[in-house]
Amino acid sequence: MSVREVVPVAMRLSWLVLFALMIGEFVTDLPGPGWATTFLPAMVVLALMVATTALQARAAEPRGEPGPPVEVDPPVTGRWSALNSPADKVPSHGTHVYGQTYAIDIVADPETAEGEPPARPTFRWFWPLFRRNHAFPAFGAPLLAVADATVVRASDGQRDHLSRNSLLGLVYLMLIEGNIRSIAGARRVIGNHVILDLGDGTYAAYAHVRRGSLRVKAGDTVRAGQRIGSVGNSGNSSEPHLHVHLMDSPDLDDARGVPFTWRGVGVPANGETFTVEERVAEARPGDVGGAG
């Protein structure tokens, strides 16, 4: 195993040791002062967390100048708004880990009649603390294959949690839930997900997919525009939305980001709305799932 693989494992083991020592401090009479049985292990855990983050970020940094953007179809239809876009900064999410250097988040933003409130609930400072997913127009929206591809990985067993778009909810997500998910690994951070092999060493990752919505499995072939699942709110997510990015490996822990551009849309900037007309994928022998 490489150093990059060993450090996260060591960190998780250290957390287990720390929890065991803390429990033992309360229920048993361990030898030595309390600071020696809890404080020192806690410092080791903190150091390993910092080392893990640094190693992962450094290993995932692009090498040399980025290549030209890979043009693919948009992964959705309808009217959407972009968040955390690489059109505004790179890395778009503040880190290179998990191959997300050029990742983008998008939220459904359907038009409403004049004088009516927006269909998508806005951030609230105090109340409601959390909202149910069906309050957001993105939840359940179709996810479409961005190109003819082969499914490398498909997982949709994690739950869709409540929104985190209040002050308290966001603090909980950033300080508690997010750190716990980071310790648990990439799978818990991105939640339910699909990874497609687009060919030529390029892979597309879809994150935060709705539980139980996937229509594909590993090994299936799909056509551009074919429905593969639905938008959800699983993993490290504040509200139902789609996080999608291109990368150079199907292994999130080893991937580097690849620039993208969406056919007919480009790369929408933060806050920019865009509309994608509904399209129908042509079926071929061996395809799975529905179209549209």
Protein backbone atom coordinates (compact mmCIF):
# COMPACT_ATOMS: atom_id res chain seq x y z
CA MET A 1 0.00 0.00 0.00
CA SER A 2 1.14 3.55 -0.75
CA VAL A 3 1.55 6.24 1.92
CA ARG A 4 -1.57 7.89 0.55
CA GLU A 5 -3.54 4.72 1.24
CA VAL A 6 -1.97 3.95 4.63
CA VAL A 7 -2.53 7.35 6.29
CA PRO A 8 -6.37 7.36 6.08
CA VAL A 9 -6.46 3.81 7.44
CA ALA A 10 -4.20 4.80 10.32
CA MET A 11 -6.39 7.83 11.02
CA ARG A 12 -9.55 5.70 11.25
CA LEU A 13 -7.81 3.23 13.55
CA SER A 14 -6.64 6.13 15.72
CA TRP A 15 -10.20 7.39 16.03
CA LEU A 16 -11.30 3.96 17.19
CA VAL A 17 -8.50 3.88 19.76
CA LEU A 18 -9.40 7.38 20.93
CA PHE A 19 -13.08 6.50 21.38
CA ALA A 20 -12.15 3.34 23.22
CA LEU A 21 -9.85 5.25 25.56
CA MET A 22 -12.44 7.93 26.23
CA ILE A 23 -15.06 5.31 27.08
CA GLY A 24 -12.54 3.45 29.21
CA GLU A 25 -11.73 6.63 31.12
CA PHE A 26 -15.35 6.85 32.27
CA VAL A 27 -16.14 3.19 32.96
CA THR A 28 -12.80 1.78 34.10
CA ASP A 29 -9.90 2.84 36.27
CA LEU A 30 -7.16 3.17 33.65
CA PRO A 31 -3.65 3.76 34.94
CA GLY A 32 -2.15 7.21 34.53
CA PRO A 33 -3.68 10.70 34.41
CA GLY A 34 -6.61 11.41 32.14
CA TRP A 35 -4.61 13.75 29.89
CA ALA A 36 -2.27 10.89 29.01
CA THR A 37 -5.07 8.52 28.03
CA THR A 38 -7.19 10.98 26.05
CA PHE A 39 -5.31 14.18 25.18
CA LEU A 40 -2.25 12.56 23.62
CA PRO A 41 -4.26 10.16 21.40
CA ALA A 42 -6.45 13.10 20.38
CA MET A 43 -3.35 15.02 19.25
CA VAL A 44 -2.22 11.99 17.23
CA VAL A 45 -5.64 11.82 15.57
CA LEU A 46 -5.52 15.54 14.76
CA ALA A 47 -2.05 15.23 13.25
CA LEU A 48 -3.13 12.28 11.12
CA MET A 49 -6.19 14.20 9.90
CA VAL A 50 -4.01 17.11 8.81
CA ALA A 51 -1.53 14.73 7.14
CA THR A 52 -4.32 12.87 5.34
CA THR A 53 -5.87 16.06 3.99
CA ALA A 54 -2.49 17.37 2.82
CA LEU A 55 -1.50 14.11 1.16
CA GLN A 56 -4.82 13.69 -0.61
CA ALA A 57 -4.88 17.28 -1.86
CA ARG A 58 -1.28 17.21 -3.07
CA ALA A 59 -1.66 13.87 -4.83
CA ALA A 60 -4.81 15.06 -6.61
CA GLU A 61 -3.34 18.32 -7.91
CA PRO A 62 -3.25 18.60 -11.72
CA ARG A 63 0.10 17.91 -13.32
CA GLY A 64 1.15 20.61 -15.79
CA GLU A 65 -1.27 22.70 -17.80
CA PRO A 66 -4.84 21.39 -18.06
CA GLY A 67 -5.88 19.86 -21.36
CA PRO A 68 -8.73 21.22 -23.45
CA PRO A 69 -12.21 20.80 -21.93
CA VAL A 70 -13.97 17.56 -22.79
CA GLU A 71 -17.30 18.36 -24.44
CA VAL A 72 -20.22 16.28 -23.15
CA ASP A 73 -23.99 16.62 -23.00
CA PRO A 74 -25.61 18.28 -19.97
CA PRO A 75 -26.66 15.73 -17.31
CA VAL A 76 -30.14 17.25 -16.84
CA THR A 77 -32.97 18.93 -18.69
CA GLY A 78 -35.05 21.93 -17.68
CA ARG A 79 -34.03 25.16 -15.97
CA TRP A 80 -31.15 25.04 -13.47
CA SER A 81 -28.73 27.33 -11.63
CA ALA A 82 -25.03 26.71 -11.10
CA LEU A 83 -23.14 26.78 -7.79
CA ASN A 84 -19.45 26.23 -7.00
CA SER A 85 -18.56 26.46 -10.68
CA PRO A 86 -15.07 26.09 -12.18
CA ALA A 87 -15.99 29.07 -14.38
CA ASP A 88 -15.37 31.22 -11.28
CA LYS A 89 -12.47 29.49 -9.55
CA VAL A 90 -10.33 26.35 -9.72
CA PRO A 91 -10.49 24.15 -7.74
CA SER A 92 -14.19 24.90 -7.74
CA HIS A 93 -14.89 23.30 -4.36
CA GLY A 94 -11.68 24.51 -2.73
CA THR A 95 -9.91 21.15 -3.04
CA HIS A 96 -8.56 18.74 -5.65
CA VAL A 97 -9.48 15.57 -3.71
CA TYR A 98 -11.79 12.98 -5.26
CA GLY A 99 -10.94 14.35 -8.72
CA GLN A 100 -13.26 17.32 -8.22
CA THR A 101 -10.95 20.10 -9.41
CA TYR A 102 -13.46 21.12 -12.09
CA ALA A 103 -16.64 19.92 -10.36
CA ILE A 104 -19.89 21.84 -10.52
CA ASP A 105 -23.07 21.83 -8.41
CA ILE A 106 -26.43 22.61 -9.98
CA VAL A 107 -29.88 23.13 -8.44
CA ALA A 108 -33.24 23.04 -10.21
CA ASP A 109 -34.57 26.56 -10.63
CA PRO A 110 -37.91 26.41 -12.48
CA GLU A 111 -39.56 29.67 -13.47
CA THR A 112 -42.55 30.86 -11.44
CA ALA A 113 -45.31 33.30 -12.24
CA GLU A 114 -44.73 36.96 -11.48
CA GLY A 115 -45.36 37.74 -7.82
CA GLU A 116 -45.07 34.11 -6.69
CA PRO A 117 -42.22 32.94 -4.42
CA PRO A 118 -39.39 30.96 -6.03
CA ALA A 119 -39.99 27.22 -6.37
CA ARG A 120 -36.70 26.44 -4.65
CA PRO A 121 -36.69 27.24 -0.90
CA THR A 122 -34.07 29.84 0.00
CA PHE A 123 -31.51 29.72 2.78
CA ARG A 124 -33.02 30.74 6.13
CA TRP A 125 -30.96 31.87 9.08
CA PHE A 126 -33.06 30.39 11.87
CA TRP A 127 -36.30 28.70 10.81
CA PRO A 128 -37.11 26.18 9.52
CA LEU A 129 -33.98 24.38 10.69
CA PHE A 130 -34.43 21.58 8.16
CA ARG A 131 -36.73 20.88 5.24
CA ARG A 132 -37.96 17.70 3.64
CA ASN A 133 -36.48 16.87 0.27
CA HIS A 134 -39.75 17.05 -1.64
CA ALA A 135 -39.80 20.81 -0.97
CA PHE A 136 -36.97 21.20 -3.47
CA PRO A 137 -37.68 20.96 -7.22
CA ALA A 138 -34.36 19.18 -7.88
CA PHE A 139 -35.34 16.15 -5.80
CA GLY A 140 -36.27 13.30 -8.11
CA ALA A 141 -35.27 15.14 -11.30
CA PRO A 142 -33.91 12.78 -14.00
CA LEU A 143 -30.16 12.25 -14.27
CA LEU A 144 -28.97 11.69 -17.84
CA ALA A 145 -25.84 10.08 -19.26
CA VAL A 146 -23.54 12.82 -20.58
CA ALA A 147 -22.18 10.57 -23.34
CA ASP A 148 -22.23 7.02 -24.67
CA ALA A 149 -20.53 5.20 -21.83
CA THR A 150 -20.03 2.10 -19.72
CA VAL A 151 -21.12 2.11 -16.08
CA VAL A 152 -18.13 1.51 -13.82
CA ARG A 153 -19.79 1.95 -10.45
CA ALA A 154 -23.39 2.42 -9.31
CA SER A 155 -24.45 2.67 -5.66
CA ASP A 156 -27.75 3.96 -4.25
CA GLY A 157 -28.26 2.40 -0.81
CA GLN A 158 -27.61 5.47 1.37
CA ARG A 159 -30.50 7.50 2.76
CA ASP A 160 -31.56 10.95 1.57
CA HIS A 161 -31.30 13.15 4.67
CA LEU A 162 -33.13 16.40 5.46
CA SER A 163 -31.83 19.68 4.07
CA ARG A 164 -29.07 21.60 5.83
CA ASN A 165 -29.91 25.07 4.48
CA SER A 166 -30.35 26.99 7.73
CA LEU A 167 -27.57 28.46 9.86
CA LEU A 168 -27.73 25.66 12.43
CA GLY A 169 -28.07 23.01 9.74
CA LEU A 170 -25.08 24.36 7.83
CA VAL A 171 -22.92 24.52 10.97
CA TYR A 172 -23.87 20.93 11.75
CA LEU A 173 -22.97 19.87 8.19
CA MET A 174 -19.60 21.63 8.16
CA LEU A 175 -18.35 20.95 11.68
CA ILE A 176 -19.82 17.57 12.57
CA GLU A 177 -21.42 15.64 9.74
CA GLY A 178 -18.86 16.64 7.12
CA ASN A 179 -15.91 15.61 9.28
CA ILE A 180 -17.49 12.28 10.16
CA ARG A 181 -18.15 11.58 6.48
CA SER A 182 -14.56 12.50 5.60
CA ILE A 183 -13.29 9.99 8.12
CA ALA A 184 -15.59 7.33 6.68
CA GLY A 185 -14.18 7.90 3.17
CA ALA A 186 -15.15 9.10 -0.30
CA ARG A 187 -18.24 6.91 -0.56
CA ARG A 188 -19.87 8.62 2.43
CA VAL A 189 -18.91 12.09 1.18
CA ILE A 190 -20.39 11.77 -2.31
CA GLY A 191 -23.32 9.63 -1.12
CA ASN A 192 -25.16 7.53 -3.70
CA HIS A 193 -23.30 7.84 -6.97
CA VAL A 194 -22.66 6.69 -10.51
CA ILE A 195 -19.34 6.65 -12.35
CA LEU A 196 -19.34 6.34 -16.14
CA ASP A 197 -16.41 5.42 -18.37
CA LEU A 198 -16.62 7.83 -21.32
CA GLY A 199 -13.56 6.39 -23.07
CA ASP A 200 -10.15 7.91 -23.77
CA GLY A 201 -9.29 7.87 -20.06
CA THR A 202 -12.17 10.13 -19.01
CA TYR A 203 -14.78 9.29 -16.38
CA ALA A 204 -17.90 11.13 -15.23
CA ALA A 205 -18.93 11.09 -11.55
CA TYR A 206 -22.48 11.90 -10.40
CA ALA A 207 -22.88 12.47 -6.64
CA HIS A 208 -25.78 12.74 -4.13
CA VAL A 209 -28.08 10.48 -6.18
CA ARG A 210 -31.52 9.62 -4.79
CA ARG A 211 -31.74 6.40 -2.83
CA GLY A 212 -33.07 3.49 -4.88
CA SER A 213 -33.37 5.54 -8.08
CA LEU A 214 -30.57 4.05 -10.19
CA ARG A 215 -31.61 2.29 -13.38
CA VAL A 216 -28.14 1.00 -14.18
CA LYS A 217 -25.50 -1.23 -12.65
CA ALA A 218 -21.78 -1.76 -13.14
CA GLY A 219 -21.04 -3.18 -16.59
CA ASP A 220 -24.11 -1.71 -18.31
CA THR A 221 -23.72 0.43 -21.43
CA VAL A 222 -25.71 3.63 -21.79
CA ARG A 223 -26.38 6.17 -24.52
CA ALA A 224 -26.00 9.93 -24.25
CA GLY A 225 -29.24 11.37 -22.89
CA GLN A 226 -30.40 8.09 -21.36
CA ARG A 227 -31.91 8.33 -17.88
CA ILE A 228 -29.68 6.62 -15.33
CA GLY A 229 -31.22 7.74 -12.03
CA SER A 230 -32.61 10.72 -10.11
CA VAL A 231 -31.24 13.70 -8.20
CA GLY A 232 -31.19 13.14 -4.45
CA ASN A 233 -29.76 14.47 -1.21
CA SER A 234 -27.43 11.73 0.03
CA GLY A 235 -23.90 12.18 1.31
CA ASN A 236 -22.28 15.51 2.19
CA SER A 237 -25.07 17.67 0.79
CA SER A 238 -26.92 20.74 2.07
CA GLU A 239 -29.98 20.29 -0.18
CA PRO A 240 -31.11 18.14 -3.14
CA HIS A 241 -28.78 18.96 -6.02
CA LEU A 242 -26.44 17.38 -8.53
CA HIS A 243 -22.68 17.42 -8.09
CA VAL A 244 -20.95 16.23 -11.25
CA HIS A 245 -17.38 16.25 -12.51
CA LEU A 246 -15.03 14.60 -14.99
CA MET A 247 -11.84 12.85 -13.88
CA ASP A 248 -9.04 10.68 -15.22
CA SER A 249 -9.66 7.56 -13.08
CA PRO A 250 -12.67 5.62 -11.78
CA ASP A 251 -11.03 5.56 -8.33
CA LEU A 252 -12.10 8.70 -6.47
CA ASP A 253 -9.15 8.43 -4.09
CA ASP A 254 -6.70 8.40 -7.00
CA ALA A 255 -8.38 10.59 -9.62
CA ARG A 256 -7.41 14.01 -10.96
CA GLY A 257 -9.96 16.41 -12.34
CA VAL A 258 -10.61 16.91 -16.07
CA PRO A 259 -12.09 20.19 -17.44
CA PHE A 260 -15.52 19.92 -19.08
CA THR A 261 -17.92 21.90 -21.19
CA TRP A 262 -21.58 21.10 -21.76
CA ARG A 263 -22.77 21.00 -25.33
CA GLY A 264 -25.05 23.96 -26.00
CA VAL A 265 -24.46 25.40 -22.50
CA GLY A 266 -20.72 25.74 -21.89
CA VAL A 267 -19.68 26.08 -18.24
CA PRO A 268 -22.28 28.15 -16.35
CA ALA A 269 -20.90 30.56 -13.76
CA ASN A 270 -22.03 30.80 -10.15
CA GLY A 271 -25.63 31.96 -10.00
CA GLU A 272 -26.09 31.66 -13.75
CA THR A 273 -29.30 29.99 -14.87
CA PHE A 274 -29.43 27.81 -17.96
CA THR A 275 -32.08 25.77 -19.70
CA VAL A 276 -31.64 22.42 -21.44
CA GLU A 277 -34.36 21.18 -23.74
CA GLU A 278 -35.62 17.64 -23.19
CA ARG A 279 -34.06 15.11 -25.52
CA VAL A 280 -34.55 11.43 -26.22
CA ALA A 281 -31.71 8.92 -26.39
CA GLU A 282 -31.72 6.43 -29.23
CA ALA A 283 -31.92 2.86 -27.98
CA ARG A 284 -29.47 0.20 -29.11
CA PRO A 285 -29.03 -3.48 -28.28
CA GLY A 286 -27.66 -3.96 -24.78
CA ASP A 287 -28.81 -0.58 -23.46
CA VAL A 288 -30.59 -0.48 -20.11
CA GLY A 289 -32.94 1.93 -18.40
CA GLY A 290 -35.27 4.49 -19.91
CA ALA A 291 -34.64 7.51 -22.08
CA GLY A 292 -35.33 11.16 -21.63
